[in-house]
Amino acid sequence: MPPSRRATARAAAGVGVVAAGALWRRRRAARPGATAGGPSPIAATSRGQRNRVLATAATRAGTGWAADRAKRVFADAERREELDAASQLRTAEQVAETLGNLKGAMMKLGQMASYLDQGLPEPVRDALAQLQQDAPPMAPELAAGVVLAELGQRPEVLFAEWDEVPIAAASIGQVHRALTHDGRAVAVKVQYPGVDVAITGDLDNAGMIFNAMKLLFPGLDPKPLVAELRDRIVEELDYELEAANQQLFADYYEGHPFIHVPSVLPELSARRVLTTELATGSRFHEVTSWPAAQRDLAGESIYRFVFGSLYRLGAFNGDPHPGNYLFGPDGRVTFLDYGLVKRFTPAELRPFQDMITAMVIDRDVAAFRRIVESVGLLKADNDFTDEQIGDYFGHFYEFVLESAPLTMTQEYASETVSRFFDTSGEHGEIMKAANVPPSMVIIQRINLGLYAVLGELGATADWRRIADELWPWVGGPPTTELGRQEAAWRAATGRGAVAPGFEGA
């Protein structure tokens, strides 16, 4: 395994050990009669033995669910119902008995790890990929109980039709199809009961995790980093806030030719229930086998959504992973899940423009160095040469340095991840000295997630010319068919304004 991939595998393994320990503590605290110093069969074993027990149970639960999914392919309708009921009961028993609540912050880390690096062992990637959109669901009565508690009526009363079998299940909630009494097809996201407690427990360990990381990365200041992550993750538990964020994007992209954001139904939403219009499209795993031209369109749409939203709307949807996209063959993409949204102030946005101008447009590494030191990405009292700094940070701008068709690859995504985690390589000393200011924490999901998605698509484009078009301080003309469609939409709707903090063309 190449060094970059070993680094990501080590990072994923480290997360797994911490997660196992946190889950064991949660499980032990939940045991009837358990006390801080009381006897426990698990407590009597070594830490390594506990981790092996937990890992075995997690593998068993995931394997059982995957096996049931495979069996359903060859089963008739009656048999499928039996398999579904059995898997729900069995999964619930295994998780409750051995792991407590597997859903939550640690599951979100699993989602990220499942698509970060193609270098992870294939069985691990396959198991983790189940967390992207096919996590084991909660029983129908649990979901109905949440709807009743939040909206005052059971779902079969609130809706003309309610499908108790979820169409998606992930880290914080699961999604059901429904039909409103006025005939609108909707998706209803229902939060897992108790997930707020689970996530709070996970976050209580976040400080310990990042304090441990400081041993590897002495330049890292964990306190503001932990505070920012805590704020953003806790926000994900508030579906009313998510509804406001999603509607912000839906209003902005209304009528867009290839970017679609489902609208929110506020009258059928609450803190733990979110109802939006139902969207359809192909899933990511299907798109990866499409012809190259269609994959290129999909990649360009995602790229335009991420950076167009940042530079024009001043907001970033910080959860770019394959389970949050639905695709059409003509480049149309529906973007789902707005629980992790960061809205930027003008002061927070300006450094992005300054860094791009210095590194990409002016090719002035000395100026770039002054910027990253001023914003806290790198301490000013370092001994690195401009060449070392340009070599390290230049990688993140590599695909927009020149105007030419370039294919996003899995190797580029893996190398991007390694620049954050692998302290043993040639860039190790800079990585140890680097820091992540709070305003830039969530934006790193571009480096850790977006490029992995584009790499798996193998998307090809002249990313520099598209970037010139999206960068408001450059304001280049459209050079692709999607670009021309978007330019016409902006002209017709007046959406040519730029986010506060960026200089217009």
Protein backbone atom coordinates (compact mmCIF):
# COMPACT_ATOMS: atom_id res chain seq x y z
CA MET A 1 0.00 0.00 0.00
CA PRO A 2 1.47 3.42 -0.92
CA PRO A 3 2.40 5.73 2.00
CA SER A 4 -0.56 8.08 1.39
CA ARG A 5 -3.02 5.23 1.56
CA ARG A 6 -1.34 3.72 4.62
CA ALA A 7 -1.76 7.09 6.32
CA THR A 8 -5.49 7.20 5.66
CA ALA A 9 -5.88 3.61 6.73
CA ARG A 10 -4.07 4.43 9.98
CA ALA A 11 -6.31 7.43 10.50
CA ALA A 12 -9.42 5.34 9.92
CA ALA A 13 -8.14 2.65 12.27
CA GLY A 14 -7.44 5.26 14.94
CA VAL A 15 -10.96 6.61 14.63
CA GLY A 16 -12.27 3.06 14.96
CA VAL A 17 -10.38 2.43 18.19
CA VAL A 18 -11.59 5.69 19.73
CA ALA A 19 -15.13 5.00 18.54
CA ALA A 20 -15.06 1.51 20.00
CA GLY A 21 -13.86 2.82 23.33
CA ALA A 22 -16.54 5.53 23.42
CA LEU A 23 -19.27 3.07 22.49
CA TRP A 24 -18.08 0.58 25.12
CA ARG A 25 -18.24 3.29 27.79
CA ARG A 26 -21.74 4.25 26.64
CA ARG A 27 -22.80 0.60 26.66
CA ARG A 28 -21.36 0.04 30.15
CA ALA A 29 -23.04 3.17 31.52
CA ALA A 30 -26.36 1.94 30.16
CA ARG A 31 -26.15 -1.51 31.79
CA PRO A 32 -28.72 -2.00 34.55
CA GLY A 33 -27.02 -1.59 37.91
CA ALA A 34 -23.72 -0.50 36.41
CA THR A 35 -21.60 1.76 38.57
CA ALA A 36 -18.36 3.59 38.07
CA GLY A 37 -16.39 0.90 39.83
CA GLY A 38 -18.81 -2.00 39.68
CA PRO A 39 -17.97 -5.37 38.20
CA SER A 40 -18.67 -6.07 34.56
CA PRO A 41 -17.74 -9.00 32.32
CA ILE A 42 -16.35 -6.54 29.79
CA ALA A 43 -14.62 -4.40 32.39
CA ALA A 44 -12.59 -7.39 33.53
CA THR A 45 -10.96 -7.79 30.09
CA SER A 46 -8.13 -5.80 28.56
CA ARG A 47 -8.75 -2.80 26.34
CA GLY A 48 -7.60 -4.79 23.32
CA GLN A 49 -10.04 -7.59 24.13
CA ARG A 50 -12.90 -5.11 24.51
CA ASN A 51 -12.08 -3.55 21.16
CA ARG A 52 -12.01 -6.97 19.50
CA VAL A 53 -15.41 -7.83 21.00
CA LEU A 54 -16.87 -4.58 19.75
CA ALA A 55 -15.33 -4.91 16.32
CA THR A 56 -16.61 -8.47 15.98
CA ALA A 57 -20.14 -7.42 16.94
CA ALA A 58 -20.10 -4.48 14.54
CA THR A 59 -18.90 -6.73 11.73
CA ARG A 60 -21.58 -9.30 12.56
CA ALA A 61 -24.33 -6.66 12.48
CA GLY A 62 -23.08 -5.17 9.22
CA THR A 63 -22.59 -8.58 7.62
CA GLY A 64 -26.06 -9.72 8.65
CA TRP A 65 -27.64 -6.65 7.14
CA ALA A 66 -25.67 -7.03 3.90
CA ALA A 67 -26.62 -10.72 3.70
CA ASP A 68 -30.30 -9.90 4.10
CA ARG A 69 -30.03 -7.31 1.35
CA ALA A 70 -28.54 -9.95 -0.94
CA LYS A 71 -31.24 -12.49 -0.07
CA ARG A 72 -33.99 -9.98 -0.94
CA VAL A 73 -32.85 -9.96 -4.57
CA PHE A 74 -34.02 -13.56 -4.99
CA ALA A 75 -37.03 -13.52 -2.66
CA ASP A 76 -40.71 -13.05 -3.45
CA ALA A 77 -42.71 -10.21 -1.85
CA GLU A 78 -43.84 -12.26 1.17
CA ARG A 79 -40.36 -13.55 1.84
CA ARG A 80 -38.91 -10.04 1.53
CA GLU A 81 -41.24 -8.83 4.26
CA GLU A 82 -40.07 -11.68 6.50
CA LEU A 83 -36.42 -10.87 5.81
CA ASP A 84 -36.95 -7.17 6.47
CA ALA A 85 -38.73 -7.78 9.77
CA ALA A 86 -36.09 -10.28 10.88
CA SER A 87 -33.19 -7.99 10.00
CA GLN A 88 -34.72 -5.08 11.86
CA LEU A 89 -35.22 -7.14 14.99
CA ARG A 90 -31.82 -8.82 14.79
CA THR A 91 -29.90 -5.64 14.05
CA ALA A 92 -31.64 -3.78 16.85
CA GLU A 93 -30.82 -6.55 19.32
CA GLN A 94 -27.16 -6.75 18.27
CA VAL A 95 -26.61 -3.01 18.36
CA ALA A 96 -28.48 -2.48 21.62
CA GLU A 97 -26.78 -5.43 23.32
CA THR A 98 -23.21 -4.85 22.23
CA LEU A 99 -22.71 -1.32 20.98
CA GLY A 100 -25.50 0.84 22.35
CA ASN A 101 -26.41 3.39 19.70
CA LEU A 102 -24.20 2.91 16.66
CA LYS A 103 -25.73 5.91 14.90
CA GLY A 104 -24.35 9.37 15.59
CA ALA A 105 -21.08 11.22 15.29
CA MET A 106 -18.96 8.06 15.00
CA MET A 107 -21.17 6.77 12.20
CA LYS A 108 -20.61 10.04 10.34
CA LEU A 109 -16.87 9.42 10.61
CA GLY A 110 -17.51 6.00 9.10
CA GLN A 111 -19.39 7.60 6.22
CA MET A 112 -16.45 9.85 5.47
CA ALA A 113 -13.88 7.07 5.73
CA SER A 114 -15.88 4.93 3.31
CA TYR A 115 -15.20 7.21 0.36
CA LEU A 116 -12.07 9.11 1.38
CA ASP A 117 -9.44 6.77 0.07
CA GLN A 118 -9.49 4.00 -2.49
CA GLY A 119 -6.48 2.56 -0.66
CA LEU A 120 -8.55 1.18 2.20
CA PRO A 121 -8.97 -2.62 2.02
CA GLU A 122 -11.91 -3.47 -0.21
CA PRO A 123 -13.92 -5.35 2.48
CA VAL A 124 -13.55 -2.36 4.81
CA ARG A 125 -14.66 0.07 2.08
CA ASP A 126 -17.63 -2.12 1.21
CA ALA A 127 -18.73 -2.38 4.84
CA LEU A 128 -18.32 1.34 5.48
CA ALA A 129 -20.11 2.20 2.24
CA GLN A 130 -23.28 0.72 3.72
CA LEU A 131 -23.30 3.73 6.06
CA GLN A 132 -23.63 6.17 3.18
CA GLN A 133 -27.26 5.44 2.42
CA ASP A 134 -28.17 1.92 3.54
CA ALA A 135 -27.64 1.84 7.30
CA PRO A 136 -29.92 -0.62 9.18
CA PRO A 137 -33.26 1.16 9.82
CA MET A 138 -35.22 1.57 13.04
CA ALA A 139 -38.52 -0.26 13.41
CA PRO A 140 -41.67 1.42 11.95
CA GLU A 141 -43.22 2.08 15.37
CA LEU A 142 -40.16 4.02 16.49
CA ALA A 143 -40.38 6.32 13.46
CA ALA A 144 -44.14 6.78 13.91
CA GLY A 145 -43.60 7.65 17.56
CA VAL A 146 -41.18 10.45 16.67
CA VAL A 147 -43.64 11.92 14.16
CA LEU A 148 -46.44 11.77 16.74
CA ALA A 149 -44.30 13.46 19.40
CA GLU A 150 -43.11 16.22 17.06
CA LEU A 151 -46.21 16.95 14.94
CA GLY A 152 -49.03 15.80 17.21
CA GLN A 153 -50.44 13.08 14.95
CA ARG A 154 -49.35 9.71 13.65
CA PRO A 155 -47.91 9.72 10.13
CA GLU A 156 -50.81 7.72 8.65
CA VAL A 157 -53.12 10.54 9.80
CA LEU A 158 -50.88 13.45 8.84
CA PHE A 159 -50.33 12.07 5.35
CA ALA A 160 -52.67 10.60 2.76
CA GLU A 161 -50.12 7.82 2.25
CA TRP A 162 -47.15 6.82 4.42
CA ASP A 163 -44.53 4.22 3.52
CA GLU A 164 -43.25 2.77 6.78
CA VAL A 165 -40.25 1.23 5.01
CA PRO A 166 -37.53 3.90 4.79
CA ILE A 167 -35.97 4.71 1.43
CA ALA A 168 -32.71 5.83 3.09
CA ALA A 169 -31.13 5.50 6.52
CA ALA A 170 -28.02 7.25 7.68
CA SER A 171 -26.25 8.68 10.71
CA ILE A 172 -28.91 10.87 12.34
CA GLY A 173 -32.23 10.02 10.74
CA GLN A 174 -34.00 7.92 8.15
CA VAL A 175 -36.20 9.00 5.25
CA HIS A 176 -39.71 7.82 4.38
CA ARG A 177 -41.86 8.39 1.30
CA ALA A 178 -45.26 9.96 1.85
CA LEU A 179 -48.08 11.68 -0.01
CA THR A 180 -49.67 14.82 1.39
CA HIS A 181 -53.42 15.26 1.49
CA ASP A 182 -53.16 17.77 -1.36
CA GLY A 183 -51.34 15.24 -3.54
CA ARG A 184 -47.66 16.21 -3.17
CA ALA A 185 -45.05 13.43 -3.08
CA VAL A 186 -42.68 14.14 -0.20
CA ALA A 187 -39.67 12.77 1.64
CA VAL A 188 -39.96 12.76 5.44
CA LYS A 189 -36.74 12.58 7.43
CA VAL A 190 -37.28 11.28 10.96
CA GLN A 191 -34.55 11.57 13.57
CA TYR A 192 -33.51 8.48 15.47
CA PRO A 193 -34.80 8.68 19.05
CA GLY A 194 -31.89 9.11 21.42
CA VAL A 195 -29.37 10.04 18.74
CA ASP A 196 -28.93 13.45 20.37
CA VAL A 197 -27.74 11.73 23.56
CA ALA A 198 -25.46 9.45 21.55
CA ILE A 199 -23.87 12.35 19.69
CA THR A 200 -23.44 14.35 22.87
CA GLY A 201 -21.56 11.40 24.34
CA ASP A 202 -19.40 11.16 21.22
CA LEU A 203 -18.65 14.88 21.33
CA ASP A 204 -17.68 14.67 24.99
CA ASN A 205 -14.77 12.55 23.78
CA ALA A 206 -13.88 14.91 20.92
CA GLY A 207 -11.57 17.01 23.08
CA MET A 208 -9.66 13.89 24.09
CA ILE A 209 -9.34 12.85 20.44
CA PHE A 210 -7.97 16.19 19.30
CA ASN A 211 -5.70 16.57 22.29
CA ALA A 212 -4.20 13.23 21.29
CA MET A 213 -3.85 14.50 17.70
CA LYS A 214 -1.84 17.45 19.03
CA LEU A 215 0.93 15.00 19.86
CA LEU A 216 1.22 14.27 16.13
CA PHE A 217 0.45 17.82 14.98
CA PRO A 218 2.05 20.26 17.46
CA GLY A 219 0.81 23.26 15.46
CA LEU A 220 -2.82 22.23 15.93
CA ASP A 221 -4.89 24.27 18.39
CA PRO A 222 -7.60 21.79 19.39
CA LYS A 223 -9.86 24.05 21.46
CA PRO A 224 -11.36 26.23 18.68
CA LEU A 225 -11.36 23.22 16.36
CA VAL A 226 -13.40 21.13 18.80
CA ALA A 227 -15.75 24.07 19.47
CA GLU A 228 -16.41 24.57 15.76
CA LEU A 229 -17.03 20.87 15.13
CA ARG A 230 -19.29 20.64 18.16
CA ASP A 231 -21.36 23.63 16.99
CA ARG A 232 -21.74 22.31 13.47
CA ILE A 233 -22.57 18.71 14.50
CA VAL A 234 -25.04 19.79 17.19
CA GLU A 235 -26.73 21.97 14.56
CA GLU A 236 -27.38 18.80 12.55
CA LEU A 237 -29.70 17.62 15.32
CA ASP A 238 -31.98 20.64 14.78
CA TYR A 239 -34.13 19.91 11.74
CA GLU A 240 -35.75 23.36 12.00
CA LEU A 241 -32.33 24.89 11.36
CA GLU A 242 -31.71 22.38 8.58
CA ALA A 243 -35.05 23.37 7.04
CA ALA A 244 -34.00 27.04 7.03
CA ASN A 245 -30.63 26.16 5.47
CA GLN A 246 -32.20 23.94 2.81
CA GLN A 247 -34.78 26.57 1.90
CA LEU A 248 -31.98 29.15 1.57
CA PHE A 249 -30.39 26.97 -1.13
CA ALA A 250 -33.76 26.02 -2.67
CA ASP A 251 -34.77 29.68 -3.05
CA TYR A 252 -31.40 30.64 -4.49
CA TYR A 253 -31.34 27.83 -7.05
CA GLU A 254 -35.01 28.02 -8.01
CA GLY A 255 -35.36 27.51 -11.76
CA HIS A 256 -31.69 26.54 -12.19
CA PRO A 257 -31.15 24.46 -15.34
CA PHE A 258 -29.19 21.61 -13.73
CA ILE A 259 -28.92 22.22 -9.95
CA HIS A 260 -31.97 21.17 -7.95
CA VAL A 261 -32.61 21.59 -4.22
CA PRO A 262 -35.91 20.14 -2.88
CA SER A 263 -38.19 22.69 -1.21
CA VAL A 264 -39.23 22.36 2.44
CA LEU A 265 -42.79 21.92 3.72
CA PRO A 266 -42.57 23.86 7.00
CA GLU A 267 -46.09 22.92 8.12
CA LEU A 268 -45.01 19.26 8.21
CA SER A 269 -41.60 19.85 9.77
CA ALA A 270 -40.37 20.24 13.34
CA ARG A 271 -37.18 19.88 15.35
CA ARG A 272 -36.88 16.13 14.72
CA VAL A 273 -38.99 15.75 11.55
CA LEU A 274 -38.17 17.35 8.20
CA THR A 275 -40.53 17.11 5.21
CA THR A 276 -39.38 18.14 1.75
CA GLU A 277 -40.49 17.54 -1.80
CA LEU A 278 -39.57 14.06 -3.01
CA ALA A 279 -36.70 14.01 -5.48
CA THR A 280 -35.82 11.22 -7.88
CA GLY A 281 -32.68 10.30 -9.77
CA SER A 282 -29.89 7.78 -10.09
CA ARG A 283 -27.63 6.99 -7.15
CA PHE A 284 -23.89 7.52 -7.18
CA HIS A 285 -23.00 3.84 -7.54
CA GLU A 286 -24.99 3.76 -10.79
CA VAL A 287 -23.37 6.91 -12.15
CA THR A 288 -19.84 5.54 -11.79
CA SER A 289 -20.64 3.08 -14.60
CA TRP A 290 -22.12 5.70 -16.93
CA PRO A 291 -20.28 6.84 -20.08
CA ALA A 292 -17.46 9.32 -19.48
CA ALA A 293 -19.36 12.25 -21.00
CA GLN A 294 -22.23 11.84 -18.54
CA ARG A 295 -19.85 11.44 -15.59
CA ASP A 296 -18.09 14.63 -16.70
CA LEU A 297 -21.40 16.52 -16.64
CA ALA A 298 -22.20 15.17 -13.18
CA GLY A 299 -18.77 16.20 -11.89
CA GLU A 300 -19.05 19.69 -13.36
CA SER A 301 -22.49 20.18 -11.80
CA ILE A 302 -21.20 19.19 -8.36
CA TYR A 303 -18.17 21.46 -8.75
CA ARG A 304 -20.35 24.41 -9.81
CA PHE A 305 -22.75 23.86 -6.91
CA VAL A 306 -20.03 23.73 -4.26
CA PHE A 307 -17.99 26.73 -5.40
CA GLY A 308 -20.86 28.71 -6.87
CA SER A 309 -22.67 28.49 -3.52
CA LEU A 310 -19.56 29.53 -1.62
CA TYR A 311 -18.65 32.51 -3.80
CA ARG A 312 -22.14 33.70 -4.79
CA LEU A 313 -24.34 32.71 -1.85
CA GLY A 314 -21.76 32.85 0.93
CA ALA A 315 -22.83 29.43 2.18
CA PHE A 316 -21.27 25.98 2.03
CA ASN A 317 -23.11 22.69 2.32
CA GLY A 318 -20.45 20.82 4.24
CA ASP A 319 -21.48 17.20 3.65
CA PRO A 320 -20.27 16.31 0.14
CA HIS A 321 -20.58 12.54 -0.01
CA PRO A 322 -22.13 10.17 -2.56
CA GLY A 323 -25.30 9.48 -0.58
CA ASN A 324 -26.36 13.12 -0.86
CA TYR A 325 -26.68 13.26 -4.65
CA LEU A 326 -29.32 12.14 -7.16
CA PHE A 327 -28.29 12.30 -10.81
CA GLY A 328 -29.81 12.75 -14.23
CA PRO A 329 -27.95 11.82 -17.45
CA ASP A 330 -27.99 15.42 -18.73
CA GLY A 331 -25.92 16.83 -15.86
CA ARG A 332 -28.86 17.56 -13.56
CA VAL A 333 -28.03 16.86 -9.92
CA THR A 334 -30.31 17.04 -6.89
CA PHE A 335 -28.46 17.98 -3.73
CA LEU A 336 -29.79 16.54 -0.47
CA ASP A 337 -29.06 16.98 3.25
CA TYR A 338 -28.42 20.47 4.61
CA GLY A 339 -27.71 19.61 8.22
CA LEU A 340 -24.07 20.70 8.02
CA VAL A 341 -24.17 24.18 6.47
CA LYS A 342 -21.67 26.92 7.16
CA ARG A 343 -22.62 30.53 6.43
CA PHE A 344 -19.57 32.74 6.00
CA THR A 345 -19.04 36.31 7.06
CA PRO A 346 -17.27 38.72 4.65
CA ALA A 347 -14.16 38.59 6.83
CA GLU A 348 -14.11 34.78 6.67
CA LEU A 349 -14.54 34.73 2.89
CA ARG A 350 -11.85 37.22 1.92
CA PRO A 351 -8.84 34.96 2.68
CA PHE A 352 -10.08 32.43 0.10
CA GLN A 353 -9.87 35.10 -2.60
CA ASP A 354 -6.50 36.30 -1.38
CA MET A 355 -4.98 32.80 -1.29
CA ILE A 356 -6.27 31.92 -4.78
CA THR A 357 -5.04 35.20 -6.19
CA ALA A 358 -1.57 34.73 -4.69
CA MET A 359 -1.08 31.03 -5.48
CA VAL A 360 -2.95 30.64 -8.78
CA ILE A 361 -3.26 33.98 -10.52
CA ASP A 362 -0.11 35.82 -9.42
CA ARG A 363 2.01 32.73 -8.65
CA ASP A 364 3.44 34.68 -5.71
CA VAL A 365 4.34 32.10 -3.06
CA ALA A 366 5.81 34.72 -0.73
CA ALA A 367 2.49 36.57 -0.72
CA PHE A 368 0.64 33.29 -0.21
CA ARG A 369 2.89 32.56 2.76
CA ARG A 370 2.05 35.89 4.36
CA ILE A 371 -1.67 35.17 3.93
CA VAL A 372 -1.66 31.65 5.45
CA GLU A 373 0.41 32.93 8.36
CA SER A 374 -1.93 35.88 8.92
CA VAL A 375 -5.06 33.69 9.03
CA GLY A 376 -3.47 31.08 11.30
CA LEU A 377 -3.04 28.17 8.88
CA LEU A 378 0.66 28.26 9.67
CA LYS A 379 2.48 29.88 12.56
CA ALA A 380 4.60 32.86 11.55
CA ASP A 381 7.69 31.75 13.49
CA ASN A 382 8.48 28.78 11.25
CA ASP A 383 11.72 27.89 9.47
CA PHE A 384 10.23 26.65 6.21
CA THR A 385 11.36 28.04 2.89
CA ASP A 386 8.93 29.57 0.44
CA GLU A 387 9.65 26.62 -1.84
CA GLN A 388 8.59 24.13 0.85
CA ILE A 389 5.40 26.04 1.56
CA GLY A 390 4.59 26.39 -2.14
CA ASP A 391 5.20 22.69 -2.69
CA TYR A 392 2.95 21.66 0.19
CA PHE A 393 0.01 24.04 -0.25
CA GLY A 394 0.32 24.18 -4.04
CA HIS A 395 -1.08 20.66 -4.27
CA PHE A 396 -4.53 21.92 -3.25
CA TYR A 397 -4.59 24.28 -6.24
CA GLU A 398 -2.87 21.96 -8.71
CA PHE A 399 -5.92 21.25 -10.86
CA VAL A 400 -6.63 24.97 -11.49
CA LEU A 401 -3.08 26.19 -12.07
CA GLU A 402 -3.29 25.78 -15.85
CA SER A 403 -6.08 26.01 -18.41
CA ALA A 404 -6.28 22.52 -19.88
CA PRO A 405 -8.56 19.46 -19.65
CA LEU A 406 -7.69 17.51 -16.50
CA THR A 407 -9.15 14.32 -15.10
CA MET A 408 -9.82 14.14 -11.36
CA THR A 409 -8.34 10.86 -10.14
CA GLN A 410 -8.56 8.74 -7.04
CA GLU A 411 -4.81 9.11 -6.67
CA TYR A 412 -5.14 12.91 -6.46
CA ALA A 413 -7.86 12.55 -3.82
CA SER A 414 -5.70 10.10 -1.84
CA GLU A 415 -2.72 12.43 -1.98
CA THR A 416 -4.94 15.30 -0.79
CA VAL A 417 -6.02 13.26 2.22
CA SER A 418 -2.43 12.24 2.97
CA ARG A 419 -1.42 15.90 3.19
CA PHE A 420 -3.57 16.10 6.31
CA PHE A 421 -2.64 12.85 8.03
CA ASP A 422 0.70 11.39 6.93
CA THR A 423 3.38 13.02 9.08
CA SER A 424 6.04 10.54 7.99
CA GLY A 425 6.41 11.77 4.40
CA GLU A 426 8.35 14.63 2.86
CA HIS A 427 5.73 17.15 3.98
CA GLY A 428 5.50 15.83 7.52
CA GLU A 429 7.17 18.78 9.25
CA ILE A 430 4.86 21.32 7.62
CA MET A 431 1.86 19.20 8.51
CA LYS A 432 2.95 19.07 12.13
CA ALA A 433 3.22 22.84 12.20
CA ALA A 434 -0.07 23.52 10.36
CA ASN A 435 -3.30 24.56 12.05
CA VAL A 436 -6.95 24.78 11.00
CA PRO A 437 -8.69 28.03 11.99
CA PRO A 438 -12.33 27.58 13.05
CA SER A 439 -13.71 29.35 9.97
CA MET A 440 -11.88 26.86 7.74
CA VAL A 441 -12.76 23.63 9.55
CA ILE A 442 -15.86 22.73 7.56
CA ILE A 443 -14.42 23.96 4.27
CA GLN A 444 -11.83 21.18 4.53
CA ARG A 445 -14.64 18.82 3.55
CA ILE A 446 -13.84 20.00 0.02
CA ASN A 447 -10.37 18.51 0.33
CA LEU A 448 -11.49 15.43 2.27
CA GLY A 449 -14.74 14.71 0.46
CA LEU A 450 -15.44 16.61 -2.76
CA TYR A 451 -12.26 15.59 -4.53
CA ALA A 452 -12.80 11.97 -3.54
CA VAL A 453 -16.25 12.11 -5.17
CA LEU A 454 -14.89 13.73 -8.34
CA GLY A 455 -12.01 11.27 -8.38
CA GLU A 456 -14.33 8.28 -8.21
CA LEU A 457 -16.34 9.77 -11.09
CA GLY A 458 -13.11 10.28 -13.03
CA ALA A 459 -14.57 13.62 -14.08
CA THR A 460 -12.69 15.54 -16.76
CA ALA A 461 -12.96 19.28 -17.41
CA ASP A 462 -10.93 22.42 -17.84
CA TRP A 463 -11.34 23.19 -14.16
CA ARG A 464 -9.33 26.41 -14.39
CA ARG A 465 -11.64 27.96 -16.97
CA ILE A 466 -14.70 26.91 -14.96
CA ALA A 467 -13.07 28.35 -11.84
CA ASP A 468 -12.34 31.63 -13.63
CA GLU A 469 -16.05 31.82 -14.37
CA LEU A 470 -17.04 31.05 -10.76
CA TRP A 471 -14.45 33.30 -9.09
CA PRO A 472 -16.30 36.65 -8.87
CA TRP A 473 -13.07 38.67 -8.83
CA VAL A 474 -12.14 37.12 -12.20
CA GLY A 475 -15.57 36.82 -13.83
CA GLY A 476 -14.48 34.79 -16.84
CA PRO A 477 -16.97 33.94 -19.62
CA PRO A 478 -18.69 30.53 -19.73
CA THR A 479 -16.76 27.93 -21.72
CA THR A 480 -18.96 24.83 -21.36
CA GLU A 481 -22.57 24.05 -22.23
CA LEU A 482 -23.49 23.91 -18.54
CA GLY A 483 -21.73 27.23 -18.05
CA ARG A 484 -23.77 28.84 -20.81
CA GLN A 485 -26.98 27.49 -19.32
CA GLU A 486 -26.04 28.83 -15.90
CA ALA A 487 -25.06 32.23 -17.31
CA ALA A 488 -28.46 32.50 -19.01
CA TRP A 489 -30.19 31.59 -15.72
CA ARG A 490 -28.22 34.22 -13.82
CA ALA A 491 -29.05 36.86 -16.42
CA ALA A 492 -32.75 35.97 -16.34
CA THR A 493 -33.06 35.81 -12.54
CA GLY A 494 -30.59 38.49 -11.45
CA ARG A 495 -28.55 35.91 -9.55
CA GLY A 496 -25.31 37.45 -10.78
CA ALA A 497 -24.61 39.09 -7.43
CA VAL A 498 -21.66 37.83 -5.43
CA ALA A 499 -21.37 36.87 -1.79
CA PRO A 500 -20.40 39.72 0.55
CA GLY A 501 -16.63 39.78 0.99
CA PHE A 502 -15.73 39.03 -2.63
CA GLU A 503 -14.90 41.72 -5.14
CA GLY A 504 -17.12 41.57 -8.22
CA ALA A 505 -15.70 41.51 -11.72
